[in-house]
Protein backbone atom coordinates (compact mmCIF):
# COMPACT_ATOMS: atom_id res chain seq x y z
CA MET A 1 0.01 0.07 0.21
CA GLN A 2 2.82 2.54 1.00
CA THR A 3 4.69 1.43 -2.11
CA THR A 4 1.68 2.46 -4.12
CA GLN A 5 1.10 5.20 -2.64
CA LEU A 6 4.93 6.64 -2.93
CA ILE A 7 4.60 5.79 -6.77
CA HIS A 8 1.13 7.79 -7.02
CA SER A 9 3.10 10.59 -5.57
CA VAL A 10 6.47 10.67 -7.51
CA ILE A 11 3.82 10.28 -11.02
CA VAL A 12 2.06 13.50 -9.92
CA LEU A 13 5.21 14.88 -8.96
CA LEU A 14 7.09 14.67 -12.50
CA VAL A 15 3.53 15.68 -13.82
CA PHE A 16 3.58 18.72 -12.02
CA CYS A 17 7.35 19.29 -12.71
CA PHE A 18 6.44 18.58 -17.20
CA LEU A 19 3.40 20.95 -16.80
CA SER A 20 5.62 23.64 -15.03
CA CYS A 21 8.55 23.49 -17.77
CA LEU A 22 5.93 23.63 -20.55
CA SER A 23 4.59 26.64 -19.24
CA PHE A 24 7.66 28.44 -17.73
CA PRO A 25 9.21 30.08 -20.85
CA VAL A 26 5.92 31.75 -22.45
CA ASN A 27 5.13 33.17 -18.94
CA ALA A 28 1.93 34.79 -19.35
CA VAL A 29 2.85 36.75 -23.08
CA SER A 30 -0.41 35.67 -25.11
CA GLY A 31 -0.37 34.51 -28.72
CA SER A 32 -0.70 37.86 -30.22
CA ALA A 33 2.24 38.89 -28.53
CA VAL A 34 4.70 36.33 -29.61
CA GLU A 35 3.25 36.39 -33.18
CA GLU A 36 4.75 40.22 -33.01
CA ILE A 37 7.96 38.60 -31.68
CA MET A 38 8.18 35.54 -34.09
CA THR A 39 8.17 37.89 -37.14
CA ASP A 40 11.34 39.44 -35.91
CA ILE A 41 12.99 36.50 -35.12
CA ASN A 42 12.42 34.86 -38.18
CA ARG A 43 13.39 38.12 -40.04
CA GLN A 44 16.38 37.28 -37.74
CA TYR A 45 17.27 34.01 -39.38
CA GLN A 46 17.00 34.92 -42.77
CA ARG A 47 19.03 37.97 -42.28
CA LEU A 48 21.69 35.15 -41.16
CA GLY A 49 20.74 33.01 -43.97
CA LEU A 50 20.01 29.93 -41.81
CA PRO A 51 16.75 27.73 -42.71
CA ASN A 52 13.77 27.40 -39.75
CA ASP A 53 10.25 26.37 -40.68
CA GLY A 54 8.80 28.90 -39.24
CA ARG A 55 7.99 27.95 -36.07
CA ILE A 56 10.61 29.40 -33.40
CA THR A 57 10.43 28.00 -30.13
CA PHE A 58 10.99 30.94 -27.03
CA GLU A 59 14.72 28.62 -26.52
CA GLU A 60 15.75 29.95 -29.69
CA MET A 61 14.93 33.20 -29.08
CA ALA A 62 16.45 33.45 -25.88
CA LEU A 63 19.41 32.31 -27.69
CA LEU A 64 19.19 34.76 -29.96
CA ASP A 65 18.57 37.87 -28.04
CA SER A 66 21.42 36.58 -25.94
CA ARG A 67 24.20 35.53 -28.38
CA PRO A 68 23.34 37.75 -31.53
CA TYR A 69 26.22 36.12 -33.68
CA GLN A 70 26.05 32.47 -33.19
CA ILE A 71 22.92 30.22 -32.67
CA ARG A 72 24.11 26.65 -31.35
CA LYS A 73 21.13 25.05 -32.57
CA TYR A 74 22.44 25.12 -35.90
CA ASN A 75 25.99 25.31 -35.08
CA VAL A 76 26.36 28.47 -37.64
CA VAL A 77 29.36 30.65 -36.52
CA LYS A 78 28.26 34.37 -37.11
CA LYS A 79 27.37 35.18 -40.76
CA ILE A 80 26.64 39.02 -39.87
CA ARG A 81 29.55 41.30 -41.37
CA LYS A 82 30.79 43.33 -38.40
CA SER A 83 29.49 46.99 -39.38
CA SER A 84 32.55 49.65 -39.60
CA ASP A 85 30.05 52.42 -38.04
CA ASN A 86 30.27 51.76 -34.24
CA SER A 87 28.90 54.62 -33.42
CA GLU A 88 26.13 55.15 -30.60
CA LEU A 89 22.10 55.63 -31.20
CA ILE A 90 20.92 57.40 -28.63
CA PHE A 91 16.66 57.35 -28.59
CA ILE A 92 14.92 59.93 -26.23
CA LEU A 93 11.62 58.28 -24.84
CA ALA A 94 9.33 60.76 -22.96
CA GLY A 95 5.42 61.29 -22.36
CA GLN A 96 2.77 60.27 -19.90
CA SER A 97 1.74 57.04 -18.11
CA ASN A 98 1.94 54.76 -21.44
CA MET A 99 4.72 55.52 -22.04
CA THR A 100 5.64 55.27 -17.93
CA GLY A 101 4.06 52.00 -18.46
CA TYR A 102 1.87 49.61 -17.42
CA GLY A 103 3.62 46.00 -18.20
CA THR A 104 4.46 43.64 -15.87
CA THR A 105 8.25 42.55 -16.10
CA ALA A 106 7.65 39.27 -14.19
CA GLN A 107 5.15 37.77 -17.10
CA LEU A 108 8.20 38.58 -19.72
CA PRO A 109 9.92 35.58 -21.37
CA LEU A 110 13.31 34.87 -19.66
CA ALA A 111 15.35 36.96 -22.26
CA TYR A 112 13.22 39.59 -22.21
CA GLN A 113 13.60 40.39 -18.95
CA ARG A 114 17.21 40.72 -19.30
CA THR A 115 18.60 44.03 -21.16
CA PRO A 116 20.43 43.54 -24.30
CA PRO A 117 24.38 43.61 -24.20
CA ASN A 118 24.44 46.43 -26.43
CA VAL A 119 22.13 48.32 -25.26
CA GLN A 120 22.25 51.03 -22.06
CA PHE A 121 18.96 51.86 -20.22
CA TYR A 122 18.54 54.97 -18.80
CA LEU A 123 15.83 56.00 -16.56
CA ASN A 124 15.50 59.59 -15.37
CA ASP A 125 18.98 60.28 -14.63
CA TYR A 126 19.91 56.91 -13.43
CA PRO A 127 21.56 53.98 -15.27
CA ALA A 128 19.90 50.88 -14.92
CA GLU A 129 19.00 46.75 -16.13
CA MET A 130 15.17 46.67 -17.52
CA SER A 131 15.07 44.03 -15.12
CA THR A 132 15.39 45.86 -12.06
CA PHE A 133 11.75 47.27 -12.18
CA PRO A 134 8.05 45.73 -11.44
CA ARG A 135 6.64 47.48 -14.17
CA PHE A 136 7.83 48.46 -18.04
CA GLY A 137 7.11 50.66 -21.04
CA PRO A 138 7.80 50.22 -24.74
CA GLU A 139 11.70 50.50 -23.94
CA VAL A 140 11.39 46.43 -23.43
CA GLY A 141 10.11 45.70 -26.93
CA PHE A 142 11.78 48.24 -28.83
CA ALA A 143 15.29 47.91 -27.15
CA HIS A 144 15.14 43.73 -27.90
CA THR A 145 14.08 44.39 -31.71
CA LEU A 146 16.72 47.03 -32.20
CA ALA A 147 19.53 44.90 -30.40
CA ARG A 148 19.19 42.29 -33.10
CA ARG A 149 18.63 44.39 -36.34
CA PHE A 150 21.68 46.41 -35.07
CA PRO A 151 23.89 43.69 -32.71
CA HIS A 152 27.32 46.09 -33.54
CA LYS A 153 25.82 49.61 -32.54
CA SER A 154 25.56 50.58 -29.07
CA ILE A 155 22.34 51.73 -28.54
CA LYS A 156 21.27 54.12 -25.32
CA LEU A 157 17.78 54.59 -24.66
CA ILE A 158 16.78 57.35 -22.31
CA LYS A 159 13.28 57.43 -20.79
CA PHE A 160 11.62 60.22 -18.55
CA ALA A 161 7.72 59.87 -18.32
CA VAL A 162 5.34 61.15 -15.89
CA GLY A 163 1.76 59.68 -16.02
CA GLY A 164 -1.48 61.94 -16.31
CA THR A 165 0.42 65.27 -17.64
CA SER A 166 -0.65 67.34 -20.80
CA LEU A 167 1.20 69.44 -23.15
CA TYR A 168 1.10 72.33 -20.75
CA ALA A 169 3.26 70.26 -18.20
CA TRP A 170 5.60 69.88 -21.28
CA ALA A 171 5.37 73.24 -22.43
CA PRO A 172 8.91 74.96 -24.08
CA GLN A 173 7.42 77.79 -22.05
CA TRP A 174 6.07 76.51 -18.99
CA ARG A 175 3.10 78.30 -16.95
CA ALA A 176 2.10 76.88 -13.88
CA ASP A 177 -1.32 78.92 -14.34
CA LYS A 178 -1.83 76.94 -17.74
CA ALA A 179 -0.11 73.44 -16.14
CA ARG A 180 -2.76 74.31 -13.22
CA LEU A 181 -5.69 73.63 -16.14
CA THR A 182 -5.16 69.98 -15.87
CA HIS A 183 -3.58 69.82 -12.49
CA ASN A 184 0.17 69.64 -13.39
CA ALA A 185 0.96 72.44 -12.09
CA ASN A 186 3.15 70.34 -9.20
CA VAL A 187 5.76 68.86 -11.77
CA GLY A 188 7.19 71.91 -12.62
CA SER A 189 8.68 72.33 -16.25
CA LEU A 190 8.97 68.58 -17.81
CA PHE A 191 10.53 70.34 -20.59
CA LYS A 192 13.39 71.66 -18.35
CA LYS A 193 13.44 68.39 -16.84
CA LEU A 194 14.08 66.12 -20.28
CA LEU A 195 16.56 68.32 -21.27
CA GLN A 196 18.52 68.36 -18.37
CA THR A 197 17.61 64.35 -18.57
CA ILE A 198 19.26 64.22 -21.94
CA LYS A 199 22.20 66.31 -21.45
CA ILE A 200 23.73 64.04 -19.39
CA HIS A 201 23.95 61.07 -21.22
CA THR A 202 24.60 62.42 -24.50
CA ASN A 203 28.21 64.17 -23.57
CA LYS A 204 30.13 60.93 -25.13
CA ARG A 205 32.16 61.52 -28.95
CA GLY A 206 30.52 59.63 -31.44
CA SER A 207 26.89 59.85 -30.28
CA GLN A 208 24.13 59.91 -32.54
CA LEU A 209 20.10 60.88 -31.50
CA ALA A 210 18.40 58.98 -33.71
CA GLY A 211 15.19 59.50 -32.65
CA ILE A 212 12.64 60.68 -30.07
CA LEU A 213 10.01 57.99 -29.52
CA TRP A 214 6.97 59.54 -28.01
CA MET A 215 3.26 58.70 -25.85
CA GLN A 216 1.29 60.89 -24.87
CA GLY A 217 -1.98 62.79 -25.56
CA GLU A 218 -4.47 60.83 -23.16
CA THR A 219 -4.87 64.17 -20.79
CA ASP A 220 -5.23 66.54 -23.68
CA ALA A 221 -7.97 64.46 -24.43
CA ARG A 222 -9.96 65.20 -21.16
CA TYR A 223 -10.25 69.00 -21.76
CA PRO A 224 -11.36 71.14 -24.67
CA SER A 225 -8.59 73.42 -24.83
CA THR A 226 -6.20 71.15 -24.41
CA ALA A 227 -7.63 69.25 -27.30
CA ASN A 228 -8.16 72.23 -29.66
CA ASN A 229 -4.85 72.89 -29.27
CA TYR A 230 -2.77 70.08 -28.91
CA SER A 231 -1.10 70.33 -33.01
CA ARG A 232 0.10 73.83 -32.53
CA HIS A 233 1.31 72.09 -28.48
CA LEU A 234 2.91 69.33 -29.98
CA SER A 235 4.67 70.98 -32.87
CA GLN A 236 6.37 73.80 -30.51
CA PHE A 237 7.30 70.92 -28.21
CA VAL A 238 8.59 69.38 -31.20
CA THR A 239 10.79 72.41 -32.74
CA ALA A 240 11.78 73.40 -29.58
CA LEU A 241 13.54 70.14 -28.48
CA ARG A 242 15.09 69.98 -31.88
CA GLN A 243 16.72 73.11 -31.53
CA GLU A 244 17.70 72.48 -27.86
CA LEU A 245 19.48 69.40 -29.09
CA LYS A 246 20.46 70.97 -32.57
CA ALA A 247 19.24 68.40 -34.39
CA PRO A 248 16.61 69.91 -36.32
CA HIS A 249 15.38 66.95 -38.62
CA LEU A 250 15.71 64.20 -35.37
CA ALA A 251 13.26 61.29 -35.77
CA PHE A 252 9.85 61.78 -34.13
CA PHE A 253 7.86 58.79 -33.37
CA MET A 254 4.47 59.23 -32.03
CA GLY A 255 1.77 56.76 -30.93
CA ALA A 256 -1.73 57.33 -31.76
CA ILE A 257 -3.76 57.26 -28.60
CA ASN A 258 -6.81 55.43 -28.30
CA PRO A 259 -8.25 56.00 -24.37
CA PRO A 260 -11.76 54.73 -23.78
CA PRO A 261 -13.63 57.55 -25.67
CA GLN A 262 -16.76 57.66 -22.64
CA PHE A 263 -14.02 58.85 -20.25
CA PHE A 264 -11.77 60.83 -22.71
CA PRO A 265 -14.35 63.18 -24.65
CA TYR A 266 -11.83 64.98 -26.96
CA LEU A 267 -10.61 61.79 -27.83
CA GLN A 268 -11.48 61.98 -31.59
CA VAL A 269 -10.16 66.09 -31.78
CA VAL A 270 -6.62 64.85 -30.22
CA ARG A 271 -6.17 61.77 -32.65
CA LYS A 272 -7.58 64.09 -35.47
CA ALA A 273 -4.55 65.93 -34.57
CA GLN A 274 -2.15 63.74 -34.17
CA ARG A 275 -3.11 62.39 -38.00
CA GLU A 276 -2.28 65.85 -39.54
CA LEU A 277 0.67 66.50 -37.47
CA ILE A 278 3.08 63.79 -39.33
CA THR A 279 2.25 66.22 -42.17
CA SER A 280 3.47 69.28 -40.64
CA ILE A 281 6.17 67.72 -38.91
CA ASP A 282 9.30 66.71 -40.61
CA ASN A 283 10.90 63.69 -40.70
CA SER A 284 7.57 62.25 -38.20
CA GLN A 285 5.72 59.15 -37.84
CA LEU A 286 2.67 58.18 -36.32
CA VAL A 287 2.91 54.53 -34.78
CA SER A 288 -0.42 52.55 -34.95
CA THR A 289 -1.61 50.90 -31.40
CA LYS A 290 -4.64 49.25 -32.91
CA GLY A 291 -5.35 46.14 -31.19
CA LEU A 292 -2.87 46.48 -28.61
CA ALA A 293 -4.15 44.25 -25.11
CA LYS A 294 -4.78 46.80 -22.07
CA GLY A 295 -5.15 46.16 -18.55
CA ASN A 296 -8.75 45.82 -16.88
CA ASP A 297 -8.77 50.34 -17.06
CA HIS A 298 -9.23 49.85 -20.67
CA LEU A 299 -6.64 52.40 -20.76
CA HIS A 300 -3.09 51.55 -19.65
CA TYR A 301 -1.11 49.05 -22.21
CA ASN A 302 -0.71 45.44 -20.52
CA THR A 303 2.27 43.76 -20.58
CA ASP A 304 1.25 41.92 -24.48
CA GLY A 305 0.72 45.73 -25.68
CA GLN A 306 3.73 47.66 -24.07
CA LEU A 307 5.92 44.61 -25.48
CA VAL A 308 4.31 44.73 -29.08
CA LEU A 309 3.75 48.79 -28.54
CA GLY A 310 7.80 48.49 -28.64
CA ILE A 311 8.52 46.14 -30.91
CA ARG A 312 6.01 48.63 -33.19
CA PHE A 313 8.08 51.68 -32.93
CA ALA A 314 11.08 49.98 -33.52
CA ARG A 315 9.89 49.17 -36.91
CA ALA A 316 8.85 52.19 -37.71
CA TYR A 317 12.27 53.36 -37.07
CA ILE A 318 13.84 50.96 -39.28
CA ALA A 319 11.65 51.35 -41.90
CA ALA A 320 13.19 55.23 -41.86
CA MET A 321 16.50 53.89 -41.79
CA ARG A 322 15.61 51.89 -45.51
C-alpha cells in the first residue's frame, strides 16, 4: 500500500514538473504578442541565412537575444558582417503613463527580462537594468528588436515620462497657471527636466541622436482647450526640443492614443491632430496602437500591449532608415 502511494506521489510530482517546464518559458505573454516576436525572430534567421520552418521556440528566441552572433542549435558561426560604423545610437523616450508603462516584468519571457548586451538603459538620470523594475513600458520590445537589427551598434535609451501629464506640463515656455488647468502644476517644467536628463547622457564623442519616441495625449483629450490646441502645442514642443538638441531633423515617432472615449470626450480631436501632425512635422511618423492589449482599465497597455508597442516603434525606426 505504501509503495503504491509512493509511486502515485512520484507520478504526480513528475507531471507537475513537466507542466511547469511547458509553461515557464512562455510566462504570461499571449499569442498576439508571440506572433509579433516571432516575425522579428524570423527576420533574424533570414538575415543570418539560416533555414527554419516558421516555428521558433522561446528557447531559440532567448538564444538569439543573448548571443546575436551565434546560434548553437545549428552550430553556425556568425554570418553577419561586422559594420564599420560603431557609433552610438541614442533614443529619447518621453510622454505620460503609457510611456511610463504598466507591463509586468515578471510575465515576460526570461530573455526579454534582460537588457540586451549592446543596449544601455537610463530611467530619468540613472543607468538601470530593465529587470530592475516590476513594471515596464515600450522600451523592452524596442530595445530587443533594435539590438537584433543592429548587433554591432551601441544603443542608448533615455527614458523620462510622467503619468497624467498634458502638453501644458511639457511646454517649452512653461507656465504654472496653464499647467494648473490640467492639474499638472506640481510637476514643474517637464521640458526643462527632459533636456537636463538628455544632456547628462549625450556628451560622449561619436554619439548620434537617432530619434524621439513619444507616447502622450490622453490627458489632453480630457479638456477642450488642450485638445483643440494639441497640434500647435506639440509642434512647439518638437521644434523647441530639436533646436535645443541642435538636431533640426531628428526623427519623431508618435504613438496614436486610443483610451476609452467615454472618459476622454475630446479623443477624436486629439487623434485627428496626431494624424495631421505627421504632415506638418518633418521626419515624423504616427505609430499605430490598434489592437494592443490593455489592462482592466482599458486605458493602459498590459504586458502584451507594451511589448508589441515597443516592437512597432522599432519597426517604424527601421523602416525610416531604409
